[in-house]
Amino acid sequence: MLLIQRIKPFFTSKEEFHLRLVFAYQYFSIIKNDEVYQFVPAEGKEIIINIRSLQIENLGEVFVFQRGRRFIRIPLYQLLLVSDLHMHLSTILEGVMEVDGHLQEEGMREAEGLVEQLEKENWERMVDYALETKNRLLFKELMEGLRMI
């Protein structure tokens, strides 16, 4: 699993119902196997979010991260699946909408539903990972956490 170490849009623009987040060097980094990889705007460099549906519209965008001579090329849809990117995007989206001053209650409910769905999917991936790696302790912790909910 990848972890987002830092994500800060270099440039943000709101165009009608779309929010464009443009990234540059040193504003986006990930951690893989305890090693930090820095974003390189070689291919994809932006995330476009539909503010009405809270859906990302350019899921095929390929992001490149570099550490020394090693590169990781990962499509945005896959980055969303294997990292905590959705949580960071939610925070960015909330900040942009609050600055705008008109975050609607319906949009909040949709965002909460989206966050719940993403958290559930993340939990399911963690359970799958525990099963694949035969990590009984992690599996047990995940199942105990489910009972508490």
N, C-alpha and C. Protein backbone atom coordinates (compact mmCIF):
# COMPACT_ATOMS: atom_id res chain seq x y z
N MET A 1 0.84 -1.18 0.00
CA MET A 1 0.00 0.00 0.00
C MET A 1 0.89 1.24 0.00
N LEU A 2 0.49 2.22 -0.77
CA LEU A 2 1.21 3.49 -0.84
C LEU A 2 0.58 4.48 0.13
N LEU A 3 1.40 5.33 0.68
CA LEU A 3 0.91 6.40 1.54
C LEU A 3 1.28 7.73 0.91
N ILE A 4 0.36 8.67 0.98
CA ILE A 4 0.65 10.00 0.49
C ILE A 4 1.39 10.73 1.60
N GLN A 5 2.60 11.17 1.33
CA GLN A 5 3.35 11.91 2.34
C GLN A 5 2.96 13.38 2.30
N ARG A 6 2.91 13.93 1.09
CA ARG A 6 2.56 15.34 0.93
C ARG A 6 1.79 15.49 -0.36
N ILE A 7 0.74 16.28 -0.29
CA ILE A 7 0.00 16.62 -1.51
C ILE A 7 -0.54 18.03 -1.33
N LYS A 8 -0.04 18.91 -2.14
CA LYS A 8 -0.46 20.30 -2.10
C LYS A 8 -0.51 20.80 -3.54
N PRO A 9 -1.69 21.19 -4.00
CA PRO A 9 -1.76 21.66 -5.38
C PRO A 9 -0.90 22.90 -5.59
N PHE A 10 -0.16 22.91 -6.68
CA PHE A 10 0.64 24.07 -7.07
C PHE A 10 -0.29 25.18 -7.54
N PHE A 11 -1.37 24.75 -8.21
CA PHE A 11 -2.34 25.68 -8.78
C PHE A 11 -3.72 25.05 -8.68
N THR A 12 -4.71 25.84 -8.28
CA THR A 12 -6.09 25.37 -8.19
C THR A 12 -6.98 26.33 -8.95
N SER A 13 -7.87 25.79 -9.76
CA SER A 13 -8.83 26.66 -10.43
C SER A 13 -10.21 26.01 -10.41
N LYS A 14 -11.20 26.86 -10.25
CA LYS A 14 -12.58 26.38 -10.25
C LYS A 14 -13.25 26.94 -11.49
N GLU A 15 -13.76 26.04 -12.31
CA GLU A 15 -14.41 26.41 -13.56
C GLU A 15 -15.79 25.80 -13.56
N GLU A 16 -16.80 26.61 -13.36
CA GLU A 16 -18.19 26.17 -13.25
C GLU A 16 -18.33 25.04 -12.24
N PHE A 17 -18.44 23.81 -12.70
CA PHE A 17 -18.64 22.67 -11.79
C PHE A 17 -17.42 21.78 -11.70
N HIS A 18 -16.27 22.30 -12.11
CA HIS A 18 -15.05 21.51 -12.07
C HIS A 18 -13.98 22.21 -11.24
N LEU A 19 -13.26 21.41 -10.50
CA LEU A 19 -12.13 21.90 -9.73
C LEU A 19 -10.88 21.24 -10.30
N ARG A 20 -9.93 22.05 -10.77
CA ARG A 20 -8.68 21.54 -11.32
C ARG A 20 -7.58 21.71 -10.29
N LEU A 21 -6.93 20.63 -9.96
CA LEU A 21 -5.79 20.65 -9.04
C LEU A 21 -4.55 20.31 -9.86
N VAL A 22 -3.64 21.25 -9.99
CA VAL A 22 -2.44 21.04 -10.79
C VAL A 22 -1.26 20.89 -9.83
N PHE A 23 -0.44 19.86 -10.07
CA PHE A 23 0.68 19.55 -9.18
C PHE A 23 2.01 19.79 -9.89
N ALA A 24 3.02 20.14 -9.09
CA ALA A 24 4.36 20.38 -9.60
C ALA A 24 5.37 19.67 -8.70
N TYR A 25 6.63 19.78 -9.04
CA TYR A 25 7.70 19.19 -8.23
C TYR A 25 7.55 19.61 -6.77
N GLN A 26 7.91 18.75 -5.87
CA GLN A 26 7.98 18.99 -4.43
C GLN A 26 6.63 19.27 -3.77
N TYR A 27 5.54 19.18 -4.52
CA TYR A 27 4.23 19.41 -3.94
C TYR A 27 3.44 18.12 -3.76
N PHE A 28 4.02 17.01 -4.20
CA PHE A 28 3.32 15.74 -4.18
C PHE A 28 4.37 14.65 -3.99
N SER A 29 4.23 13.87 -2.93
CA SER A 29 5.17 12.77 -2.72
C SER A 29 4.45 11.59 -2.07
N ILE A 30 4.96 10.40 -2.34
CA ILE A 30 4.37 9.18 -1.80
C ILE A 30 5.45 8.38 -1.08
N ILE A 31 4.99 7.47 -0.22
CA ILE A 31 5.90 6.56 0.47
C ILE A 31 5.54 5.14 0.04
N LYS A 32 6.56 4.43 -0.46
CA LYS A 32 6.39 3.02 -0.83
C LYS A 32 7.54 2.25 -0.21
N ASN A 33 7.23 1.24 0.58
CA ASN A 33 8.26 0.44 1.26
C ASN A 33 9.23 1.32 2.04
N ASP A 34 8.71 2.27 2.76
CA ASP A 34 9.49 3.19 3.61
C ASP A 34 10.44 4.07 2.81
N GLU A 35 10.21 4.23 1.53
CA GLU A 35 11.03 5.11 0.70
C GLU A 35 10.14 6.20 0.10
N VAL A 36 10.64 7.43 0.09
CA VAL A 36 9.88 8.57 -0.41
C VAL A 36 10.16 8.74 -1.90
N TYR A 37 9.10 8.82 -2.68
CA TYR A 37 9.17 9.08 -4.11
C TYR A 37 8.54 10.44 -4.38
N GLN A 38 9.23 11.28 -5.13
CA GLN A 38 8.76 12.62 -5.45
C GLN A 38 8.02 12.62 -6.79
N PHE A 39 6.96 13.41 -6.85
CA PHE A 39 6.19 13.56 -8.08
C PHE A 39 7.04 14.24 -9.15
N VAL A 40 6.92 13.74 -10.37
CA VAL A 40 7.59 14.32 -11.53
C VAL A 40 6.50 14.58 -12.58
N PRO A 41 6.30 15.82 -12.98
CA PRO A 41 5.23 16.10 -13.97
C PRO A 41 5.62 15.70 -15.39
N ALA A 42 6.02 14.43 -15.55
CA ALA A 42 6.43 13.93 -16.86
C ALA A 42 5.24 13.61 -17.74
N GLU A 43 4.18 13.08 -17.15
CA GLU A 43 2.99 12.73 -17.91
C GLU A 43 1.81 13.53 -17.36
N GLY A 44 1.04 12.92 -16.45
CA GLY A 44 -0.10 13.61 -15.87
C GLY A 44 0.34 14.55 -14.77
N LYS A 45 -0.39 15.65 -14.63
CA LYS A 45 -0.04 16.60 -13.58
C LYS A 45 -1.25 17.26 -12.95
N GLU A 46 -2.46 16.78 -13.29
CA GLU A 46 -3.64 17.41 -12.71
C GLU A 46 -4.72 16.39 -12.38
N ILE A 47 -5.55 16.80 -11.42
CA ILE A 47 -6.72 16.02 -11.04
C ILE A 47 -7.91 16.94 -11.24
N ILE A 48 -8.90 16.45 -11.97
CA ILE A 48 -10.10 17.24 -12.23
C ILE A 48 -11.26 16.59 -11.49
N ILE A 49 -11.89 17.38 -10.61
CA ILE A 49 -13.00 16.87 -9.80
C ILE A 49 -14.28 17.60 -10.19
N ASN A 50 -15.34 16.82 -10.45
CA ASN A 50 -16.66 17.38 -10.69
C ASN A 50 -17.24 17.73 -9.32
N ILE A 51 -17.47 19.00 -9.07
CA ILE A 51 -17.91 19.45 -7.75
C ILE A 51 -19.34 18.98 -7.45
N ARG A 52 -20.16 18.87 -8.46
CA ARG A 52 -21.55 18.41 -8.24
C ARG A 52 -21.61 16.95 -7.80
N SER A 53 -20.91 16.09 -8.51
CA SER A 53 -20.98 14.66 -8.22
C SER A 53 -19.84 14.19 -7.32
N LEU A 54 -18.85 15.06 -7.08
CA LEU A 54 -17.66 14.73 -6.30
C LEU A 54 -16.91 13.53 -6.89
N GLN A 55 -16.95 13.42 -8.20
CA GLN A 55 -16.25 12.35 -8.91
C GLN A 55 -15.02 12.92 -9.61
N ILE A 56 -13.98 12.12 -9.66
CA ILE A 56 -12.78 12.51 -10.39
C ILE A 56 -13.00 12.16 -11.85
N GLU A 57 -12.75 13.11 -12.73
CA GLU A 57 -13.10 12.92 -14.13
C GLU A 57 -11.95 12.45 -15.01
N ASN A 58 -10.73 12.54 -14.54
CA ASN A 58 -9.59 12.12 -15.38
C ASN A 58 -8.86 10.95 -14.73
N LEU A 59 -9.59 9.87 -14.49
CA LEU A 59 -9.03 8.71 -13.81
C LEU A 59 -7.91 8.02 -14.59
N GLY A 60 -7.83 8.25 -15.88
CA GLY A 60 -6.80 7.63 -16.70
C GLY A 60 -5.47 8.37 -16.69
N GLU A 61 -5.44 9.54 -16.08
CA GLU A 61 -4.21 10.33 -15.99
C GLU A 61 -3.12 9.51 -15.30
N VAL A 62 -1.92 9.50 -15.87
CA VAL A 62 -0.81 8.72 -15.32
C VAL A 62 0.14 9.66 -14.58
N PHE A 63 0.38 9.35 -13.30
CA PHE A 63 1.29 10.14 -12.48
C PHE A 63 2.61 9.39 -12.36
N VAL A 64 3.71 10.14 -12.38
CA VAL A 64 5.04 9.55 -12.30
C VAL A 64 5.72 10.06 -11.02
N PHE A 65 6.31 9.13 -10.28
CA PHE A 65 7.05 9.46 -9.06
C PHE A 65 8.46 8.91 -9.21
N GLN A 66 9.43 9.63 -8.65
CA GLN A 66 10.82 9.26 -8.83
C GLN A 66 11.57 9.24 -7.50
N ARG A 67 12.46 8.26 -7.38
CA ARG A 67 13.43 8.20 -6.28
C ARG A 67 14.74 7.77 -6.91
N GLY A 68 15.68 8.70 -7.01
CA GLY A 68 16.94 8.40 -7.68
C GLY A 68 16.70 8.04 -9.12
N ARG A 69 17.11 6.83 -9.50
CA ARG A 69 16.91 6.38 -10.89
C ARG A 69 15.67 5.52 -11.05
N ARG A 70 14.95 5.31 -9.95
CA ARG A 70 13.75 4.46 -10.01
C ARG A 70 12.50 5.34 -10.19
N PHE A 71 11.61 4.85 -11.04
CA PHE A 71 10.37 5.56 -11.32
C PHE A 71 9.18 4.66 -11.04
N ILE A 72 8.09 5.28 -10.62
CA ILE A 72 6.82 4.58 -10.48
C ILE A 72 5.83 5.32 -11.36
N ARG A 73 5.25 4.62 -12.32
CA ARG A 73 4.19 5.17 -13.17
C ARG A 73 2.90 4.54 -12.70
N ILE A 74 1.94 5.37 -12.31
CA ILE A 74 0.70 4.82 -11.77
C ILE A 74 -0.49 5.66 -12.23
N PRO A 75 -1.48 5.02 -12.84
CA PRO A 75 -2.69 5.75 -13.24
C PRO A 75 -3.44 6.26 -12.01
N LEU A 76 -4.13 7.35 -12.17
CA LEU A 76 -4.85 7.97 -11.07
C LEU A 76 -5.85 7.02 -10.43
N TYR A 77 -6.56 6.24 -11.24
CA TYR A 77 -7.55 5.32 -10.67
C TYR A 77 -6.88 4.30 -9.76
N GLN A 78 -5.69 3.84 -10.16
CA GLN A 78 -4.98 2.86 -9.35
C GLN A 78 -4.40 3.51 -8.09
N LEU A 79 -3.95 4.74 -8.21
CA LEU A 79 -3.45 5.47 -7.05
C LEU A 79 -4.55 5.64 -6.01
N LEU A 80 -5.77 5.87 -6.46
CA LEU A 80 -6.91 5.99 -5.55
C LEU A 80 -7.18 4.66 -4.84
N LEU A 81 -6.96 3.55 -5.55
CA LEU A 81 -7.24 2.24 -4.96
C LEU A 81 -6.20 1.79 -3.95
N VAL A 82 -4.93 2.13 -4.19
CA VAL A 82 -3.87 1.57 -3.35
C VAL A 82 -3.25 2.58 -2.38
N SER A 83 -3.87 3.73 -2.23
CA SER A 83 -3.31 4.73 -1.32
C SER A 83 -4.43 5.42 -0.55
N ASP A 84 -4.03 6.36 0.29
CA ASP A 84 -4.99 7.15 1.06
C ASP A 84 -5.26 8.49 0.38
N LEU A 85 -5.13 8.53 -0.94
CA LEU A 85 -5.31 9.76 -1.70
C LEU A 85 -6.70 10.36 -1.51
N HIS A 86 -7.73 9.51 -1.46
CA HIS A 86 -9.10 10.02 -1.33
C HIS A 86 -9.27 10.89 -0.07
N MET A 87 -8.60 10.51 1.01
CA MET A 87 -8.70 11.27 2.26
C MET A 87 -8.07 12.66 2.08
N HIS A 88 -6.93 12.72 1.40
CA HIS A 88 -6.26 13.99 1.18
C HIS A 88 -7.07 14.87 0.22
N LEU A 89 -7.66 14.26 -0.79
CA LEU A 89 -8.48 15.03 -1.73
C LEU A 89 -9.72 15.59 -1.03
N SER A 90 -10.30 14.82 -0.12
CA SER A 90 -11.46 15.30 0.64
C SER A 90 -11.10 16.55 1.42
N THR A 91 -9.93 16.53 2.05
CA THR A 91 -9.47 17.68 2.82
C THR A 91 -9.26 18.89 1.92
N ILE A 92 -8.63 18.69 0.77
CA ILE A 92 -8.41 19.78 -0.18
C ILE A 92 -9.75 20.33 -0.67
N LEU A 93 -10.67 19.42 -1.00
CA LEU A 93 -11.97 19.82 -1.50
C LEU A 93 -12.74 20.63 -0.46
N GLU A 94 -12.71 20.18 0.79
CA GLU A 94 -13.39 20.91 1.86
C GLU A 94 -12.82 22.31 1.99
N GLY A 95 -11.49 22.44 1.95
CA GLY A 95 -10.85 23.75 2.07
C GLY A 95 -11.24 24.68 0.94
N VAL A 96 -11.27 24.18 -0.28
CA VAL A 96 -11.64 25.00 -1.43
C VAL A 96 -13.09 25.44 -1.33
N MET A 97 -13.96 24.52 -0.93
CA MET A 97 -15.39 24.84 -0.85
C MET A 97 -15.65 25.82 0.29
N GLU A 98 -14.94 25.71 1.42
CA GLU A 98 -15.14 26.64 2.53
C GLU A 98 -14.68 28.03 2.14
N VAL A 99 -13.57 28.12 1.42
CA VAL A 99 -13.08 29.41 0.97
C VAL A 99 -14.11 30.03 0.03
N ASP A 100 -14.71 29.22 -0.80
CA ASP A 100 -15.74 29.68 -1.72
C ASP A 100 -16.96 30.19 -0.96
N GLY A 101 -17.20 29.64 0.23
CA GLY A 101 -18.26 30.14 1.08
C GLY A 101 -19.65 29.58 0.81
N HIS A 102 -19.78 28.57 -0.01
CA HIS A 102 -21.13 28.05 -0.27
C HIS A 102 -21.15 26.52 -0.40
N LEU A 103 -20.61 25.86 0.60
CA LEU A 103 -20.69 24.40 0.63
C LEU A 103 -22.09 24.03 1.05
N GLN A 104 -22.82 23.40 0.18
CA GLN A 104 -24.23 23.10 0.45
C GLN A 104 -24.36 21.82 1.26
N GLU A 105 -25.46 21.77 2.03
CA GLU A 105 -25.70 20.62 2.90
C GLU A 105 -25.81 19.33 2.09
N GLU A 106 -26.44 19.38 0.95
CA GLU A 106 -26.58 18.18 0.12
C GLU A 106 -25.21 17.69 -0.35
N GLY A 107 -24.35 18.61 -0.71
CA GLY A 107 -23.00 18.24 -1.12
C GLY A 107 -22.23 17.60 0.02
N MET A 108 -22.46 18.08 1.23
CA MET A 108 -21.80 17.50 2.41
C MET A 108 -22.27 16.06 2.61
N ARG A 109 -23.57 15.83 2.48
CA ARG A 109 -24.09 14.47 2.64
C ARG A 109 -23.48 13.54 1.60
N GLU A 110 -23.38 14.03 0.37
CA GLU A 110 -22.77 13.23 -0.69
C GLU A 110 -21.31 12.95 -0.37
N ALA A 111 -20.61 13.96 0.10
CA ALA A 111 -19.19 13.80 0.45
C ALA A 111 -19.03 12.81 1.59
N GLU A 112 -19.89 12.90 2.60
CA GLU A 112 -19.83 11.96 3.72
C GLU A 112 -20.09 10.54 3.23
N GLY A 113 -21.07 10.40 2.34
CA GLY A 113 -21.36 9.09 1.78
C GLY A 113 -20.18 8.56 0.98
N LEU A 114 -19.54 9.44 0.24
CA LEU A 114 -18.37 9.05 -0.54
C LEU A 114 -17.23 8.64 0.38
N VAL A 115 -17.00 9.40 1.43
CA VAL A 115 -15.93 9.07 2.38
C VAL A 115 -16.23 7.72 3.05
N GLU A 116 -17.47 7.51 3.45
CA GLU A 116 -17.85 6.23 4.05
C GLU A 116 -17.60 5.08 3.08
N GLN A 117 -17.98 5.28 1.83
CA GLN A 117 -17.78 4.25 0.83
C GLN A 117 -16.28 3.96 0.63
N LEU A 118 -15.49 5.02 0.55
CA LEU A 118 -14.05 4.85 0.36
C LEU A 118 -13.40 4.18 1.58
N GLU A 119 -13.86 4.54 2.78
CA GLU A 119 -13.34 3.92 3.99
C GLU A 119 -13.68 2.42 4.01
N LYS A 120 -14.90 2.10 3.58
CA LYS A 120 -15.31 0.69 3.54
C LYS A 120 -14.45 -0.09 2.54
N GLU A 121 -14.24 0.52 1.36
CA GLU A 121 -13.42 -0.14 0.35
C GLU A 121 -11.99 -0.31 0.84
N ASN A 122 -11.47 0.70 1.53
CA ASN A 122 -10.12 0.61 2.08
C ASN A 122 -10.04 -0.51 3.11
N TRP A 123 -11.04 -0.60 3.97
CA TRP A 123 -11.09 -1.66 4.99
C TRP A 123 -11.10 -3.03 4.30
N GLU A 124 -11.90 -3.16 3.25
CA GLU A 124 -11.98 -4.43 2.52
C GLU A 124 -10.62 -4.78 1.90
N ARG A 125 -9.92 -3.77 1.36
CA ARG A 125 -8.59 -4.02 0.80
C ARG A 125 -7.62 -4.47 1.89
N MET A 126 -7.74 -3.85 3.07
CA MET A 126 -6.86 -4.24 4.17
C MET A 126 -7.15 -5.68 4.62
N VAL A 127 -8.42 -6.06 4.63
CA VAL A 127 -8.77 -7.44 4.98
C VAL A 127 -8.20 -8.39 3.92
N ASP A 128 -8.36 -8.04 2.66
CA ASP A 128 -7.80 -8.87 1.59
C ASP A 128 -6.28 -9.01 1.74
N TYR A 129 -5.62 -7.89 2.06
CA TYR A 129 -4.18 -7.92 2.23
C TYR A 129 -3.79 -8.84 3.39
N ALA A 130 -4.53 -8.74 4.51
CA ALA A 130 -4.25 -9.59 5.67
C ALA A 130 -4.41 -11.06 5.30
N LEU A 131 -5.44 -11.36 4.52
CA LEU A 131 -5.66 -12.75 4.11
C LEU A 131 -4.58 -13.23 3.14
N GLU A 132 -4.21 -12.37 2.19
CA GLU A 132 -3.19 -12.75 1.21
C GLU A 132 -1.85 -13.01 1.88
N THR A 133 -1.51 -12.19 2.86
CA THR A 133 -0.20 -12.32 3.52
C THR A 133 -0.26 -13.24 4.74
N LYS A 134 -1.45 -13.81 4.98
CA LYS A 134 -1.66 -14.70 6.12
C LYS A 134 -1.27 -14.04 7.44
N ASN A 135 -1.60 -12.74 7.55
CA ASN A 135 -1.30 -11.96 8.74
C ASN A 135 -2.51 -12.06 9.68
N ARG A 136 -2.48 -13.05 10.54
CA ARG A 136 -3.62 -13.32 11.43
C ARG A 136 -3.86 -12.17 12.40
N LEU A 137 -2.79 -11.55 12.90
CA LEU A 137 -2.93 -10.47 13.86
C LEU A 137 -3.66 -9.28 13.24
N LEU A 138 -3.26 -8.87 12.03
CA LEU A 138 -3.92 -7.78 11.34
C LEU A 138 -5.38 -8.13 11.06
N PHE A 139 -5.61 -9.36 10.60
CA PHE A 139 -6.97 -9.80 10.30
C PHE A 139 -7.84 -9.73 11.56
N LYS A 140 -7.30 -10.21 12.68
CA LYS A 140 -8.03 -10.21 13.94
C LYS A 140 -8.35 -8.76 14.36
N GLU A 141 -7.39 -7.87 14.24
CA GLU A 141 -7.60 -6.46 14.60
C GLU A 141 -8.69 -5.84 13.73
N LEU A 142 -8.67 -6.14 12.45
CA LEU A 142 -9.67 -5.60 11.53
C LEU A 142 -11.08 -6.11 11.88
N MET A 143 -11.15 -7.39 12.21
CA MET A 143 -12.44 -7.96 12.55
C MET A 143 -12.96 -7.41 13.89
N GLU A 144 -12.06 -7.19 14.85
CA GLU A 144 -12.47 -6.60 16.13
C GLU A 144 -12.94 -5.17 15.94
N GLY A 145 -12.27 -4.44 15.07
CA GLY A 145 -12.69 -3.08 14.77
C GLY A 145 -14.06 -3.03 14.13
N LEU A 146 -14.40 -4.04 13.34
CA LEU A 146 -15.72 -4.13 12.72
C LEU A 146 -16.81 -4.31 13.78
N ARG A 147 -16.53 -5.12 14.80
CA ARG A 147 -17.51 -5.34 15.85
C ARG A 147 -17.79 -4.09 16.66
N MET A 148 -16.78 -3.23 16.78
CA MET A 148 -16.94 -2.00 17.56
C MET A 148 -17.83 -0.99 16.86
N ILE A 149 -17.91 -1.08 15.55
CA ILE A 149 -18.68 -0.10 14.77
C ILE A 149 -20.16 -0.31 14.93
